[in-house]
Structure formats: C-alpha cells, structure tokens
Full PDB file with SEQRES, HELIX, SHEET, SSBOND, CRYST1, ORIGX, SCALE, CONECT and MASTER records, all heavy atoms in Angstrom:
SEQRES   1 A   40  ALA GLU GLY LEU GLY MET GLY TRP VAL SER LEU PHE ASP          
SEQRES   2 A   40  PRO ALA GLU VAL ALA ALA LEU LEU GLY LEU PRO PRO GLY          
SEQRES   3 A   40  ALA GLU PRO ILE ALA LEU LEU CYS LEU GLY PRO VAL HIS          
SEQRES   4 A   40  GLU                                                          
HELIX    1 AA1 PRO A   14  LEU A   21  1                                   8    
SHEET    1 AA1 2 GLY A   5  VAL A   9  0                                        
SHEET    2 AA1 2 LEU A  32  GLY A  36 -1                                        
CRYST1    1.000    1.000    1.000  90.00  90.00  90.00 P 1           1          
ORIGX1      1.000000  0.000000  0.000000        0.00000                         
ORIGX2      0.000000  1.000000  0.000000        0.00000                         
ORIGX3      0.000000  0.000000  1.000000        0.00000                         
SCALE1      1.000000  0.000000  0.000000        0.00000                         
SCALE2      0.000000  1.000000  0.000000        0.00000                         
SCALE3      0.000000  0.000000  1.000000        0.00000                         
ATOM      1  N   ALA A   1      74.898 140.945  72.935  1.00  0.00           N  
ATOM      2  CA  ALA A   1      76.159 140.271  72.634  1.00  0.00           C  
ATOM      3  C   ALA A   1      76.099 138.787  72.991  1.00  0.00           C  
ATOM      4  O   ALA A   1      76.754 137.956  72.354  1.00  0.00           O  
ATOM      5  CB  ALA A   1      77.314 140.949  73.373  1.00  0.00           C  
ATOM      6  N   GLU A   2      75.283 138.437  73.996  1.00  0.00           N  
ATOM      7  CA  GLU A   2      75.121 137.043  74.413  1.00  0.00           C  
ATOM      8  C   GLU A   2      74.073 136.322  73.564  1.00  0.00           C  
ATOM      9  O   GLU A   2      73.810 135.136  73.777  1.00  0.00           O  
ATOM     10  CB  GLU A   2      74.703 136.977  75.890  1.00  0.00           C  
ATOM     11  CG  GLU A   2      75.719 137.542  76.870  1.00  0.00           C  
ATOM     12  CD  GLU A   2      76.776 136.520  77.275  1.00  0.00           C  
ATOM     13  OE1 GLU A   2      76.752 135.398  76.731  1.00  0.00           O  
ATOM     14  OE2 GLU A   2      77.619 136.863  78.141  1.00  0.00           O  
ATOM     15  N   GLY A   3      73.449 137.047  72.623  1.00  0.00           N  
ATOM     16  CA  GLY A   3      72.419 136.442  71.788  1.00  0.00           C  
ATOM     17  C   GLY A   3      71.066 136.354  72.447  1.00  0.00           C  
ATOM     18  O   GLY A   3      70.200 135.589  72.016  1.00  0.00           O  
ATOM     19  N   LEU A   4      70.850 137.149  73.497  1.00  0.00           N  
ATOM     20  CA  LEU A   4      69.584 137.153  74.224  1.00  0.00           C  
ATOM     21  C   LEU A   4      68.821 138.441  73.949  1.00  0.00           C  
ATOM     22  O   LEU A   4      69.414 139.512  73.826  1.00  0.00           O  
ATOM     23  CB  LEU A   4      69.827 137.017  75.726  1.00  0.00           C  
ATOM     24  CG  LEU A   4      70.513 135.729  76.177  1.00  0.00           C  
ATOM     25  CD1 LEU A   4      70.878 135.812  77.651  1.00  0.00           C  
ATOM     26  CD2 LEU A   4      69.617 134.520  75.919  1.00  0.00           C  
ATOM     27  N   GLY A   5      67.506 138.328  73.868  1.00  0.00           N  
ATOM     28  CA  GLY A   5      66.675 139.502  73.670  1.00  0.00           C  
ATOM     29  C   GLY A   5      66.268 140.112  74.993  1.00  0.00           C  
ATOM     30  O   GLY A   5      66.218 139.426  76.027  1.00  0.00           O  
ATOM     31  N   MET A   6      65.978 141.410  74.968  1.00  0.00           N  
ATOM     32  CA  MET A   6      65.496 142.087  76.168  1.00  0.00           C  
ATOM     33  C   MET A   6      64.493 143.148  75.770  1.00  0.00           C  
ATOM     34  O   MET A   6      64.629 143.798  74.722  1.00  0.00           O  
ATOM     35  CB  MET A   6      66.650 142.722  76.952  1.00  0.00           C  
ATOM     36  CG  MET A   6      66.256 143.131  78.371  1.00  0.00           C  
ATOM     37  SD  MET A   6      67.634 143.850  79.299  1.00  0.00           S  
ATOM     38  CE  MET A   6      67.309 145.591  79.067  1.00  0.00           C  
ATOM     39  N   GLY A   7      63.468 143.313  76.578  1.00  0.00           N  
ATOM     40  CA  GLY A   7      62.469 144.351  76.353  1.00  0.00           C  
ATOM     41  C   GLY A   7      62.198 145.109  77.632  1.00  0.00           C  
ATOM     42  O   GLY A   7      62.100 144.516  78.713  1.00  0.00           O  
ATOM     43  N   TRP A   8      62.097 146.425  77.516  1.00  0.00           N  
ATOM     44  CA  TRP A   8      61.834 147.293  78.674  1.00  0.00           C  
ATOM     45  C   TRP A   8      60.344 147.609  78.699  1.00  0.00           C  
ATOM     46  O   TRP A   8      59.821 148.254  77.795  1.00  0.00           O  
ATOM     47  CB  TRP A   8      62.668 148.564  78.551  1.00  0.00           C  
ATOM     48  CG  TRP A   8      62.537 149.555  79.677  1.00  0.00           C  
ATOM     49  CD1 TRP A   8      61.527 149.658  80.582  1.00  0.00           C  
ATOM     50  CD2 TRP A   8      63.458 150.604  80.011  1.00  0.00           C  
ATOM     51  NE1 TRP A   8      61.757 150.696  81.456  1.00  0.00           N  
ATOM     52  CE2 TRP A   8      62.933 151.291  81.129  1.00  0.00           C  
ATOM     53  CE3 TRP A   8      64.662 151.030  79.455  1.00  0.00           C  
ATOM     54  CZ2 TRP A   8      63.579 152.388  81.694  1.00  0.00           C  
ATOM     55  CZ3 TRP A   8      65.307 152.114  80.025  1.00  0.00           C  
ATOM     56  CH2 TRP A   8      64.779 152.789  81.139  1.00  0.00           C  
ATOM     57  N   VAL A   9      59.645 147.178  79.739  1.00  0.00           N  
ATOM     58  CA  VAL A   9      58.222 147.442  79.915  1.00  0.00           C  
ATOM     59  C   VAL A   9      58.054 148.532  80.968  1.00  0.00           C  
ATOM     60  O   VAL A   9      58.548 148.393  82.091  1.00  0.00           O  
ATOM     61  CB  VAL A   9      57.467 146.168  80.328  1.00  0.00           C  
ATOM     62  CG1 VAL A   9      55.977 146.461  80.519  1.00  0.00           C  
ATOM     63  CG2 VAL A   9      57.664 145.064  79.298  1.00  0.00           C  
ATOM     64  N   SER A  10      57.350 149.593  80.600  1.00  0.00           N  
ATOM     65  CA  SER A  10      57.115 150.700  81.546  1.00  0.00           C  
ATOM     66  C   SER A  10      55.623 150.998  81.686  1.00  0.00           C  
ATOM     67  O   SER A  10      55.252 152.019  82.272  1.00  0.00           O  
ATOM     68  CB  SER A  10      57.858 151.955  81.084  1.00  0.00           C  
ATOM     69  OG  SER A  10      57.434 152.341  79.782  1.00  0.00           O  
ATOM     70  N   LEU A  11      54.788 150.137  81.154  1.00  0.00           N  
ATOM     71  CA  LEU A  11      53.342 150.328  81.253  1.00  0.00           C  
ATOM     72  C   LEU A  11      52.849 149.718  82.563  1.00  0.00           C  
ATOM     73  O   LEU A  11      52.451 148.550  82.618  1.00  0.00           O  
ATOM     74  CB  LEU A  11      52.639 149.660  80.065  1.00  0.00           C  
ATOM     75  CG  LEU A  11      52.878 150.279  78.687  1.00  0.00           C  
ATOM     76  CD1 LEU A  11      52.337 149.373  77.601  1.00  0.00           C  
ATOM     77  CD2 LEU A  11      52.209 151.646  78.612  1.00  0.00           C  
ATOM     78  N   PHE A  12      52.902 150.493  83.632  1.00  0.00           N  
ATOM     79  CA  PHE A  12      52.378 150.023  84.919  1.00  0.00           C  
ATOM     80  C   PHE A  12      52.243 151.203  85.862  1.00  0.00           C  
ATOM     81  O   PHE A  12      52.860 152.260  85.670  1.00  0.00           O  
ATOM     82  CB  PHE A  12      53.281 148.939  85.534  1.00  0.00           C  
ATOM     83  CG  PHE A  12      54.727 149.330  85.707  1.00  0.00           C  
ATOM     84  CD1 PHE A  12      55.135 150.154  86.757  1.00  0.00           C  
ATOM     85  CD2 PHE A  12      55.700 148.871  84.825  1.00  0.00           C  
ATOM     86  CE1 PHE A  12      56.469 150.509  86.926  1.00  0.00           C  
ATOM     87  CE2 PHE A  12      57.033 149.213  84.982  1.00  0.00           C  
ATOM     88  CZ  PHE A  12      57.412 150.041  86.031  1.00  0.00           C  
ATOM     89  N   ASP A  13      51.419 151.010  86.882  1.00  0.00           N  
ATOM     90  CA  ASP A  13      51.273 151.989  87.956  1.00  0.00           C  
ATOM     91  C   ASP A  13      52.404 151.729  88.958  1.00  0.00           C  
ATOM     92  O   ASP A  13      52.452 150.650  89.569  1.00  0.00           O  
ATOM     93  CB  ASP A  13      49.917 151.820  88.624  1.00  0.00           C  
ATOM     94  CG  ASP A  13      49.698 152.767  89.798  1.00  0.00           C  
ATOM     95  OD1 ASP A  13      50.674 153.404  90.249  1.00  0.00           O  
ATOM     96  OD2 ASP A  13      48.558 152.860  90.277  1.00  0.00           O  
ATOM     97  N   PRO A  14      53.342 152.661  89.132  1.00  0.00           N  
ATOM     98  CA  PRO A  14      54.477 152.416  90.025  1.00  0.00           C  
ATOM     99  C   PRO A  14      54.069 152.014  91.443  1.00  0.00           C  
ATOM    100  O   PRO A  14      54.711 151.147  92.045  1.00  0.00           O  
ATOM    101  CB  PRO A  14      55.226 153.758  90.019  1.00  0.00           C  
ATOM    102  CG  PRO A  14      54.858 154.387  88.720  1.00  0.00           C  
ATOM    103  CD  PRO A  14      53.439 153.984  88.476  1.00  0.00           C  
ATOM    104  N   ALA A  15      53.009 152.620  91.966  1.00  0.00           N  
ATOM    105  CA  ALA A  15      52.582 152.290  93.329  1.00  0.00           C  
ATOM    106  C   ALA A  15      52.101 150.846  93.413  1.00  0.00           C  
ATOM    107  O   ALA A  15      52.397 150.130  94.389  1.00  0.00           O  
ATOM    108  CB  ALA A  15      51.479 153.248  93.777  1.00  0.00           C  
ATOM    109  N   GLU A  16      51.375 150.395  92.389  1.00  0.00           N  
ATOM    110  CA  GLU A  16      50.874 149.016  92.392  1.00  0.00           C  
ATOM    111  C   GLU A  16      52.027 148.020  92.310  1.00  0.00           C  
ATOM    112  O   GLU A  16      52.060 147.028  93.057  1.00  0.00           O  
ATOM    113  CB  GLU A  16      49.916 148.809  91.218  1.00  0.00           C  
ATOM    114  CG  GLU A  16      49.339 147.414  91.142  1.00  0.00           C  
ATOM    115  CD  GLU A  16      48.391 147.210  89.976  1.00  0.00           C  
ATOM    116  OE1 GLU A  16      48.254 148.132  89.141  1.00  0.00           O  
ATOM    117  OE2 GLU A  16      47.786 146.122  89.888  1.00  0.00           O  
ATOM    118  N   VAL A  17      52.983 148.271  91.426  1.00  0.00           N  
ATOM    119  CA  VAL A  17      54.118 147.365  91.279  1.00  0.00           C  
ATOM    120  C   VAL A  17      54.999 147.402  92.527  1.00  0.00           C  
ATOM    121  O   VAL A  17      55.515 146.370  92.957  1.00  0.00           O  
ATOM    122  CB  VAL A  17      54.923 147.713  90.012  1.00  0.00           C  
ATOM    123  CG1 VAL A  17      56.240 146.944  89.967  1.00  0.00           C  
ATOM    124  CG2 VAL A  17      54.089 147.388  88.769  1.00  0.00           C  
ATOM    125  N   ALA A  18      55.152 148.575  93.112  1.00  0.00           N  
ATOM    126  CA  ALA A  18      55.939 148.679  94.349  1.00  0.00           C  
ATOM    127  C   ALA A  18      55.337 147.818  95.450  1.00  0.00           C  
ATOM    128  O   ALA A  18      56.053 147.143  96.202  1.00  0.00           O  
ATOM    129  CB  ALA A  18      56.025 150.134  94.794  1.00  0.00           C  
ATOM    130  N   ALA A  19      54.001 147.821  95.534  1.00  0.00           N  
ATOM    131  CA  ALA A  19      53.336 147.007  96.550  1.00  0.00           C  
ATOM    132  C   ALA A  19      53.516 145.513  96.264  1.00  0.00           C  
ATOM    133  O   ALA A  19      53.778 144.718  97.171  1.00  0.00           O  
ATOM    134  CB  ALA A  19      51.850 147.360  96.607  1.00  0.00           C  
ATOM    135  N   LEU A  20      53.399 145.132  94.988  1.00  0.00           N  
ATOM    136  CA  LEU A  20      53.560 143.721  94.623  1.00  0.00           C  
ATOM    137  C   LEU A  20      54.966 143.213  94.939  1.00  0.00           C  
ATOM    138  O   LEU A  20      55.153 142.053  95.324  1.00  0.00           O  
ATOM    139  CB  LEU A  20      53.264 143.531  93.135  1.00  0.00           C  
ATOM    140  CG  LEU A  20      51.800 143.647  92.709  1.00  0.00           C  
ATOM    141  CD1 LEU A  20      51.681 143.614  91.182  1.00  0.00           C  
ATOM    142  CD2 LEU A  20      50.971 142.521  93.332  1.00  0.00           C  
ATOM    143  N   LEU A  21      55.953 144.086  94.785  1.00  0.00           N  
ATOM    144  CA  LEU A  21      57.349 143.688  94.987  1.00  0.00           C  
ATOM    145  C   LEU A  21      57.833 143.941  96.412  1.00  0.00           C  
ATOM    146  O   LEU A  21      58.989 143.635  96.735  1.00  0.00           O  
ATOM    147  CB  LEU A  21      58.244 144.438  93.998  1.00  0.00           C  
ATOM    148  CG  LEU A  21      57.992 144.132  92.511  1.00  0.00           C  
ATOM    149  CD1 LEU A  21      58.855 145.036  91.629  1.00  0.00           C  
ATOM    150  CD2 LEU A  21      58.268 142.666  92.198  1.00  0.00           C  
ATOM    151  N   GLY A  22      56.984 144.514  97.250  1.00  0.00           N  
ATOM    152  CA  GLY A  22      57.368 144.750  98.636  1.00  0.00           C  
ATOM    153  C   GLY A  22      58.464 145.784  98.792  1.00  0.00           C  
ATOM    154  O   GLY A  22      59.347 145.637  99.664  1.00  0.00           O  
ATOM    155  N   LEU A  23      58.428 146.844  97.987  1.00  0.00           N  
ATOM    156  CA  LEU A  23      59.474 147.867  98.062  1.00  0.00           C  
ATOM    157  C   LEU A  23      59.338 148.682  99.343  1.00  0.00           C  
ATOM    158  O   LEU A  23      58.221 148.972  99.790  1.00  0.00           O  
ATOM    159  CB  LEU A  23      59.404 148.800  96.851  1.00  0.00           C  
ATOM    160  CG  LEU A  23      59.554 148.179  95.466  1.00  0.00           C  
ATOM    161  CD1 LEU A  23      59.732 149.275  94.412  1.00  0.00           C  
ATOM    162  CD2 LEU A  23      60.722 147.208  95.409  1.00  0.00           C  
ATOM    163  N   PRO A  24      60.457 149.107  99.926  1.00  0.00           N  
ATOM    164  CA  PRO A  24      60.398 149.959 101.113  1.00  0.00           C  
ATOM    165  C   PRO A  24      59.986 151.375 100.720  1.00  0.00           C  
ATOM    166  O   PRO A  24      60.078 151.750  99.542  1.00  0.00           O  
ATOM    167  CB  PRO A  24      61.840 149.929 101.629  1.00  0.00           C  
ATOM    168  CG  PRO A  24      62.664 149.689 100.409  1.00  0.00           C  
ATOM    169  CD  PRO A  24      61.850 148.775  99.547  1.00  0.00           C  
ATOM    170  N   PRO A  25      59.530 152.185 101.671  1.00  0.00           N  
ATOM    171  CA  PRO A  25      59.166 153.572 101.362  1.00  0.00           C  
ATOM    172  C   PRO A  25      60.341 154.313 100.725  1.00  0.00           C  
ATOM    173  O   PRO A  25      61.484 154.181 101.166  1.00  0.00           O  
ATOM    174  CB  PRO A  25      58.821 154.156 102.742  1.00  0.00           C  
ATOM    175  CG  PRO A  25      58.406 152.980 103.562  1.00  0.00           C  
ATOM    176  CD  PRO A  25      59.274 151.839 103.092  1.00  0.00           C  
ATOM    177  N   GLY A  26      60.053 155.049  99.676  1.00  0.00           N  
ATOM    178  CA  GLY A  26      61.092 155.813  98.987  1.00  0.00           C  
ATOM    179  C   GLY A  26      61.673 155.105  97.788  1.00  0.00           C  
ATOM    180  O   GLY A  26      62.259 155.740  96.910  1.00  0.00           O  
ATOM    181  N   ALA A  27      61.542 153.785  97.717  1.00  0.00           N  
ATOM    182  CA  ALA A  27      62.012 153.040  96.546  1.00  0.00           C  
ATOM    183  C   ALA A  27      60.943 153.115  95.461  1.00  0.00           C  
ATOM    184  O   ALA A  27      59.759 153.275  95.752  1.00  0.00           O  
ATOM    185  CB  ALA A  27      62.314 151.603  96.901  1.00  0.00           C  
ATOM    186  N   GLU A  28      61.367 152.978  94.217  1.00  0.00           N  
ATOM    187  CA  GLU A  28      60.432 153.173  93.104  1.00  0.00           C  
ATOM    188  C   GLU A  28      60.777 152.264  91.928  1.00  0.00           C  
ATOM    189  O   GLU A  28      61.920 152.237  91.480  1.00  0.00           O  
ATOM    190  CB  GLU A  28      60.497 154.644  92.653  1.00  0.00           C  
ATOM    191  CG  GLU A  28      59.591 154.988  91.491  1.00  0.00           C  
ATOM    192  CD  GLU A  28      59.774 156.436  91.053  1.00  0.00           C  
ATOM    193  OE1 GLU A  28      60.607 157.149  91.665  1.00  0.00           O  
ATOM    194  OE2 GLU A  28      59.099 156.839  90.097  1.00  0.00           O  
ATOM    195  N   PRO A  29      59.812 151.521  91.388  1.00  0.00           N  
ATOM    196  CA  PRO A  29      60.077 150.695  90.203  1.00  0.00           C  
ATOM    197  C   PRO A  29      60.081 151.557  88.946  1.00  0.00           C  
ATOM    198  O   PRO A  29      59.244 152.450  88.794  1.00  0.00           O  
ATOM    199  CB  PRO A  29      58.901 149.712  90.201  1.00  0.00           C  
ATOM    200  CG  PRO A  29      57.780 150.484  90.824  1.00  0.00           C  
ATOM    201  CD  PRO A  29      58.425 151.367  91.871  1.00  0.00           C  
ATOM    202  N   ILE A  30      61.035 151.294  88.051  1.00  0.00           N  
ATOM    203  CA  ILE A  30      61.098 152.066  86.809  1.00  0.00           C  
ATOM    204  C   ILE A  30      61.031 151.187  85.571  1.00  0.00           C  
ATOM    205  O   ILE A  30      60.826 151.695  84.462  1.00  0.00           O  
ATOM    206  CB  ILE A  30      62.372 152.936  86.739  1.00  0.00           C  
ATOM    207  CG1 ILE A  30      63.627 152.056  86.775  1.00  0.00           C  
ATOM    208  CG2 ILE A  30      62.382 153.969  87.850  1.00  0.00           C  
ATOM    209  CD1 ILE A  30      64.907 152.818  86.476  1.00  0.00           C  
ATOM    210  N   ALA A  31      61.204 149.872  85.727  1.00  0.00           N  
ATOM    211  CA  ALA A  31      61.224 149.013  84.546  1.00  0.00           C  
ATOM    212  C   ALA A  31      60.936 147.573  84.934  1.00  0.00           C  
ATOM    213  O   ALA A  31      61.340 147.105  85.995  1.00  0.00           O  
ATOM    214  CB  ALA A  31      62.579 149.090  83.843  1.00  0.00           C  
ATOM    215  N   LEU A  32      60.239 146.897  84.048  1.00  0.00           N  
ATOM    216  CA  LEU A  32      60.129 145.440  84.086  1.00  0.00           C  
ATOM    217  C   LEU A  32      60.847 144.953  82.839  1.00  0.00           C  
ATOM    218  O   LEU A  32      60.437 145.262  81.712  1.00  0.00           O  
ATOM    219  CB  LEU A  32      58.664 144.994  84.085  1.00  0.00           C  
ATOM    220  CG  LEU A  32      57.848 145.376  85.317  1.00  0.00           C  
ATOM    221  CD1 LEU A  32      56.375 145.018  85.124  1.00  0.00           C  
ATOM    222  CD2 LEU A  32      58.393 144.699  86.573  1.00  0.00           C  
ATOM    223  N   LEU A  33      61.942 144.238  83.024  1.00  0.00           N  
ATOM    224  CA  LEU A  33      62.774 143.811  81.907  1.00  0.00           C  
ATOM    225  C   LEU A  33      62.502 142.351  81.581  1.00  0.00           C  
ATOM    226  O   LEU A  33      62.719 141.464  82.410  1.00  0.00           O  
ATOM    227  CB  LEU A  33      64.258 143.989  82.250  1.00  0.00           C  
ATOM    228  CG  LEU A  33      64.713 145.403  82.611  1.00  0.00           C  
ATOM    229  CD1 LEU A  33      66.217 145.412  82.885  1.00  0.00           C  
ATOM    230  CD2 LEU A  33      64.351 146.405  81.516  1.00  0.00           C  
ATOM    231  N   CYS A  34      62.004 142.110  80.369  1.00  0.00           N  
ATOM    232  CA  CYS A  34      61.807 140.751  79.864  1.00  0.00           C  
ATOM    233  C   CYS A  34      63.113 140.340  79.182  1.00  0.00           C  
ATOM    234  O   CYS A  34      63.621 141.053  78.324  1.00  0.00           O  
ATOM    235  CB  CYS A  34      60.655 140.718  78.864  1.00  0.00           C  
ATOM    236  SG  CYS A  34      59.103 141.368  79.515  1.00  0.00           S  
ATOM    237  N   LEU A  35      63.638 139.185  79.547  1.00  0.00           N  
ATOM    238  CA  LEU A  35      64.963 138.784  79.084  1.00  0.00           C  
ATOM    239  C   LEU A  35      64.981 137.298  78.751  1.00  0.00           C  
ATOM    240  O   LEU A  35      64.445 136.485  79.499  1.00  0.00           O  
ATOM    241  CB  LEU A  35      65.990 139.074  80.185  1.00  0.00           C  
ATOM    242  CG  LEU A  35      67.425 138.576  79.991  1.00  0.00           C  
ATOM    243  CD1 LEU A  35      68.117 139.382  78.894  1.00  0.00           C  
ATOM    244  CD2 LEU A  35      68.202 138.692  81.300  1.00  0.00           C  
ATOM    245  N   GLY A  36      65.591 136.954  77.618  1.00  0.00           N  
ATOM    246  CA  GLY A  36      65.726 135.536  77.307  1.00  0.00           C  
ATOM    247  C   GLY A  36      65.922 135.261  75.836  1.00  0.00           C  
ATOM    248  O   GLY A  36      66.026 136.192  75.020  1.00  0.00           O  
ATOM    249  N   PRO A  37      65.989 133.985  75.469  1.00  0.00           N  
ATOM    250  CA  PRO A  37      66.130 133.617  74.060  1.00  0.00           C  
ATOM    251  C   PRO A  37      64.957 134.133  73.232  1.00  0.00           C  
ATOM    252  O   PRO A  37      63.829 134.238  73.734  1.00  0.00           O  
ATOM    253  CB  PRO A  37      66.135 132.078  74.099  1.00  0.00           C  
ATOM    254  CG  PRO A  37      66.560 131.723  75.490  1.00  0.00           C  
ATOM    255  CD  PRO A  37      65.990 132.799  76.363  1.00  0.00           C  
ATOM    256  N   VAL A  38      65.232 134.453  71.990  1.00  0.00           N  
ATOM    257  CA  VAL A  38      64.201 134.904  71.050  1.00  0.00           C  
ATOM    258  C   VAL A  38      64.304 134.077  69.778  1.00  0.00           C  
ATOM    259  O   VAL A  38      65.348 133.496  69.485  1.00  0.00           O  
ATOM    260  CB  VAL A  38      64.346 136.405  70.716  1.00  0.00           C  
ATOM    261  CG1 VAL A  38      64.128 137.259  71.956  1.00  0.00           C  
ATOM    262  CG2 VAL A  38      65.707 136.703  70.111  1.00  0.00           C  
ATOM    263  N   HIS A  39      63.213 134.006  69.036  1.00  0.00           N  
ATOM    264  CA  HIS A  39      63.236 133.281  67.769  1.00  0.00           C  
ATOM    265  C   HIS A  39      64.177 133.970  66.787  1.00  0.00           C  
ATOM    266  O   HIS A  39      64.940 133.326  66.072  1.00  0.00           O  
ATOM    267  CB  HIS A  39      61.832 133.217  67.179  1.00  0.00           C  
ATOM    268  CG  HIS A  39      60.866 132.432  68.024  1.00  0.00           C  
ATOM    269  ND1 HIS A  39      60.884 131.065  68.084  1.00  0.00           N  
ATOM    270  CD2 HIS A  39      59.865 132.848  68.856  1.00  0.00           C  
ATOM    271  CE1 HIS A  39      59.923 130.650  68.901  1.00  0.00           C  
ATOM    272  NE2 HIS A  39      59.296 131.712  69.388  1.00  0.00           N  
ATOM    273  N   GLU A  40      64.110 135.302  66.748  1.00  0.00           N  
ATOM    274  CA  GLU A  40      64.970 136.098  65.878  1.00  0.00           C  
ATOM    275  C   GLU A  40      64.852 137.554  66.311  1.00  0.00           C  
ATOM    276  O   GLU A  40      63.863 137.960  66.914  1.00  0.00           O  
ATOM    277  CB  GLU A  40      64.558 135.935  64.413  1.00  0.00           C  
ATOM    278  CG  GLU A  40      63.087 136.207  64.139  1.00  0.00           C  
ATOM    279  CD  GLU A  40      62.649 135.739  62.762  1.00  0.00           C  
ATOM    280  OE1 GLU A  40      63.531 135.350  61.980  1.00  0.00           O  
ATOM    281  OE2 GLU A  40      61.446 135.768  62.466  1.00  0.00           O  
TER     282      GLU A  40                                                      
MASTER        0    0    0    1    2    0    0    6  281    1    0    4          
END                                                                             
C-alpha cells in the first residue's frame, strides 16, 4: 500500500543466522525480509 516491495527469504541455516544476530537460547530466526523501493 505504501508502494514498497518486500521479499521473504528463508534460504538459510537457522543456527548460523541466530549466531550472526546474537539471538538468546530458545529464539529462532524465521525470515529475512528485504524491503524497499522497486523499479516495478
């Protein structure tokens, strides 16, 4: 509605991404969302 594009990326090892983001035990990454202006 704001005219911005978004993409949901789920191609990753959750443990690796959790370590990169410093997640506490029990937390889990489920998505990397790319967001912003698009050409069309």
